[in-house]
Amino acid sequence: MPENWIVQLNSQLEKMEDPATEMELWEKRSIYRIPSQVTDANKEAYKPQVVSIGPYHHGEHHLRPMEAHKQRALLHFLKRSGKRVQFYVDALAKVLQDLKDAYDQLDIGWQEDEEAFLQLMLRDGCFILEIMQATLIGCDYAPNDPIFSAHGKLHIIPLLISDMLLLENQVPLLVLQKLFTGENENFKVG
């Protein structure tokens, strides 16, 4: 009779004896999947309509058009900061495991492809900062820009913000901290 499950259970029990181990497992998590029991009632209420932020909804067909705008935002961010992209990639790479650990049930593809995950964090993080910059301060985009113009601020950015508030459609705060403090070296967060 196979007793492998007994060995596994005993191993789990030993790990559980230390409350710090269990606490450590959960303290890094900050972005969770919503249980299907909740989303089944109204699936559309929990899905982004215009933009994907983070890995959970990345690549969904109806959200792909916004990817080009996120790439443009990344380029504007880099140009304004005056720093090379490698500067920001290195800053995020130093906390890569913390960024992955922030996601509950992160897909194995994102777990294994560090380059794609870092690229996603950089692009989406810069996009969020550009939305904040455009909304609060103003920006250096063309007056007829579809997202960052006065028209975009009135009609598109509210939809983007609505999507960015969804629980499954976020990046860890650590991404924004690393990018923001990298852009503004004299500014300290928290």
Protein backbone atom coordinates (compact mmCIF):
# COMPACT_ATOMS: atom_id res chain seq x y z
CA MET A 1 0.00 0.00 0.00
CA PRO A 2 1.55 3.34 -1.05
CA GLU A 3 2.26 5.57 1.91
CA ASN A 4 3.55 8.53 -0.09
CA TRP A 5 0.57 10.64 0.92
CA ILE A 6 1.31 9.95 4.59
CA VAL A 7 4.89 11.19 4.14
CA GLN A 8 3.59 14.32 2.38
CA LEU A 9 1.05 14.93 5.12
CA ASN A 10 3.69 14.56 7.84
CA SER A 11 5.98 16.98 5.96
CA GLN A 12 3.17 19.53 5.71
CA LEU A 13 2.38 19.05 9.38
CA GLU A 14 6.00 19.75 10.36
CA LYS A 15 6.02 22.96 8.34
CA MET A 16 2.72 24.00 9.88
CA GLU A 17 4.11 23.69 13.40
CA ASP A 18 6.00 26.94 12.88
CA PRO A 19 3.46 29.80 12.63
CA ALA A 20 6.13 32.00 11.04
CA THR A 21 6.28 29.67 8.03
CA GLU A 22 2.56 29.99 7.41
CA MET A 23 2.65 33.74 7.96
CA GLU A 24 5.57 34.10 5.54
CA LEU A 25 3.55 32.32 2.86
CA TRP A 26 0.76 34.89 3.02
CA GLU A 27 2.53 38.13 3.88
CA LYS A 28 3.95 38.58 0.38
CA ARG A 29 0.61 38.10 -1.37
CA SER A 30 -1.20 41.30 -2.29
CA ILE A 31 -2.99 40.54 -5.57
CA TYR A 32 -5.49 37.71 -5.57
CA ARG A 33 -7.73 35.89 -7.99
CA ILE A 34 -11.39 36.38 -7.23
CA PRO A 35 -13.11 33.06 -6.44
CA SER A 36 -15.43 31.79 -9.16
CA GLN A 37 -18.29 31.66 -6.66
CA VAL A 38 -18.13 35.45 -6.62
CA THR A 39 -17.49 36.10 -10.31
CA ASP A 40 -20.07 33.63 -11.62
CA ALA A 41 -22.91 35.99 -10.72
CA ASN A 42 -21.55 38.73 -13.02
CA LYS A 43 -18.37 37.80 -14.88
CA GLU A 44 -18.09 41.12 -16.72
CA ALA A 45 -18.03 43.12 -13.49
CA TYR A 46 -14.67 41.59 -12.57
CA LYS A 47 -12.97 41.69 -15.97
CA PRO A 48 -11.17 44.70 -17.44
CA GLN A 49 -12.97 46.27 -20.38
CA VAL A 50 -10.21 48.40 -21.94
CA VAL A 51 -6.75 47.65 -20.48
CA SER A 52 -5.00 44.73 -18.83
CA ILE A 53 -2.63 45.52 -15.99
CA GLY A 54 -0.47 42.71 -14.67
CA PRO A 55 -0.46 39.07 -15.73
CA TYR A 56 -3.97 37.77 -14.99
CA HIS A 57 -5.74 39.29 -18.02
CA HIS A 58 -2.71 39.99 -20.21
CA GLY A 59 -3.18 38.93 -23.82
CA GLU A 60 -6.98 38.77 -23.77
CA HIS A 61 -8.16 39.58 -27.28
CA HIS A 62 -10.39 42.56 -26.48
CA LEU A 63 -7.60 44.22 -24.44
CA ARG A 64 -4.83 43.92 -27.05
CA PRO A 65 -5.43 47.30 -28.76
CA MET A 66 -4.28 49.11 -25.60
CA GLU A 67 -0.87 47.35 -25.67
CA ALA A 68 0.46 49.80 -28.29
CA HIS A 69 -0.55 52.73 -26.06
CA LYS A 70 1.15 51.13 -23.06
CA GLN A 71 4.31 50.80 -25.16
CA ARG A 72 4.11 54.49 -26.13
CA ALA A 73 3.68 55.42 -22.48
CA LEU A 74 6.79 53.41 -21.61
CA LEU A 75 8.78 55.29 -24.27
CA HIS A 76 7.56 58.68 -23.00
CA PHE A 77 8.43 57.69 -19.44
CA LEU A 78 11.95 56.60 -20.45
CA LYS A 79 12.54 59.73 -22.55
CA ARG A 80 11.41 62.04 -19.75
CA SER A 81 13.47 60.22 -17.11
CA GLY A 82 16.65 60.40 -19.19
CA LYS A 83 17.65 56.94 -17.98
CA ARG A 84 18.24 53.80 -20.00
CA VAL A 85 15.68 51.03 -19.89
CA GLN A 86 18.30 48.74 -18.30
CA PHE A 87 18.34 50.99 -15.22
CA TYR A 88 14.68 50.21 -14.55
CA VAL A 89 14.95 46.55 -15.55
CA ASP A 90 17.80 46.13 -13.05
CA ALA A 91 15.78 47.85 -10.31
CA LEU A 92 12.84 45.51 -10.90
CA ALA A 93 15.06 42.44 -11.32
CA LYS A 94 16.43 42.97 -7.80
CA VAL A 95 12.92 42.40 -6.41
CA LEU A 96 11.72 39.94 -9.07
CA GLN A 97 10.80 37.15 -6.66
CA ASP A 98 8.92 39.57 -4.41
CA LEU A 99 6.95 40.78 -7.45
CA LYS A 100 6.05 37.22 -8.44
CA ASP A 101 5.18 36.32 -4.85
CA ALA A 102 2.72 39.22 -4.74
CA TYR A 103 0.43 37.31 -7.12
CA ASP A 104 -1.76 34.51 -5.84
CA GLN A 105 -2.00 31.65 -8.35
CA LEU A 106 0.49 33.16 -10.80
CA ASP A 107 0.48 31.14 -14.02
CA ILE A 108 3.50 28.87 -14.48
CA GLY A 109 4.35 30.63 -17.75
CA TRP A 110 4.89 33.90 -15.89
CA GLN A 111 6.78 32.08 -13.12
CA GLU A 112 9.26 30.59 -15.58
CA ASP A 113 9.69 33.42 -18.11
CA GLU A 114 11.45 36.08 -16.05
CA GLU A 115 12.16 38.31 -19.03
CA ALA A 116 8.51 38.44 -20.09
CA PHE A 117 7.41 39.03 -16.50
CA LEU A 118 9.89 41.91 -16.04
CA GLN A 119 8.83 43.42 -19.36
CA LEU A 120 5.19 43.25 -18.28
CA MET A 121 5.92 44.85 -14.90
CA LEU A 122 7.96 47.64 -16.51
CA ARG A 123 5.46 48.44 -19.27
CA ASP A 124 2.37 48.26 -17.07
CA GLY A 125 4.02 50.14 -14.21
CA CYS A 126 5.16 52.95 -16.49
CA PHE A 127 1.69 53.10 -18.04
CA ILE A 128 0.11 53.58 -14.60
CA LEU A 129 2.62 56.31 -13.73
CA GLU A 130 1.97 58.04 -17.05
CA ILE A 131 -1.80 57.97 -16.40
CA MET A 132 -1.17 59.52 -12.98
CA GLN A 133 1.20 62.12 -14.46
CA ALA A 134 -1.26 63.07 -17.21
CA THR A 135 -4.17 63.30 -14.80
CA LEU A 136 -2.45 65.23 -12.01
CA ILE A 137 0.30 67.30 -13.63
CA GLY A 138 -0.04 67.22 -17.39
CA CYS A 139 2.21 65.57 -19.92
CA ASP A 140 4.33 65.90 -23.03
CA TYR A 141 2.05 64.04 -25.43
CA ALA A 142 0.62 65.40 -28.68
CA PRO A 143 -2.55 67.50 -28.29
CA ASN A 144 -4.48 64.94 -30.36
CA ASP A 145 -3.16 61.87 -28.53
CA PRO A 146 -6.01 59.34 -28.17
CA ILE A 147 -5.23 58.65 -24.50
CA PHE A 148 -3.28 61.53 -23.03
CA SER A 149 -4.93 64.53 -24.76
CA ALA A 150 -7.66 66.64 -23.15
CA HIS A 151 -10.23 64.47 -24.95
CA GLY A 152 -8.56 61.28 -23.71
CA LYS A 153 -8.48 62.60 -20.15
CA LEU A 154 -12.23 63.18 -20.29
CA HIS A 155 -13.35 60.06 -22.13
CA ILE A 156 -10.68 57.33 -22.04
CA ILE A 157 -8.70 57.76 -18.82
CA PRO A 158 -11.80 57.30 -16.61
CA LEU A 159 -12.35 53.90 -18.27
CA LEU A 160 -8.69 53.02 -17.74
CA ILE A 161 -8.83 54.01 -14.09
CA SER A 162 -11.95 51.93 -13.65
CA ASP A 163 -10.10 48.90 -15.05
CA MET A 164 -7.03 49.62 -12.91
CA LEU A 165 -9.15 49.43 -9.76
CA LEU A 166 -10.20 45.84 -10.44
CA LEU A 167 -8.68 43.37 -7.99
CA GLU A 168 -7.24 41.04 -10.63
CA ASN A 169 -5.91 43.88 -12.78
CA GLN A 170 -3.01 45.35 -10.84
CA VAL A 171 0.74 45.40 -10.38
CA PRO A 172 2.37 45.31 -6.95
CA LEU A 173 2.94 48.70 -5.35
CA LEU A 174 6.63 47.78 -5.25
CA VAL A 175 6.75 48.15 -9.06
CA LEU A 176 5.50 51.74 -8.86
CA GLN A 177 7.87 52.52 -5.99
CA LYS A 178 10.91 51.25 -7.91
CA LEU A 179 9.96 53.09 -11.09
CA PHE A 180 8.97 56.33 -9.37
CA THR A 181 12.01 56.52 -7.12
CA GLY A 182 14.21 55.61 -10.10
CA GLU A 183 12.76 58.50 -12.09
CA ASN A 184 12.95 60.86 -9.10
CA GLU A 185 16.12 59.78 -7.32
CA ASN A 186 15.84 62.38 -4.57
CA PHE A 187 12.31 61.29 -3.68
CA LYS A 188 11.87 58.60 -1.04
CA VAL A 189 8.66 56.57 -0.79
CA GLY A 190 7.47 55.69 2.73
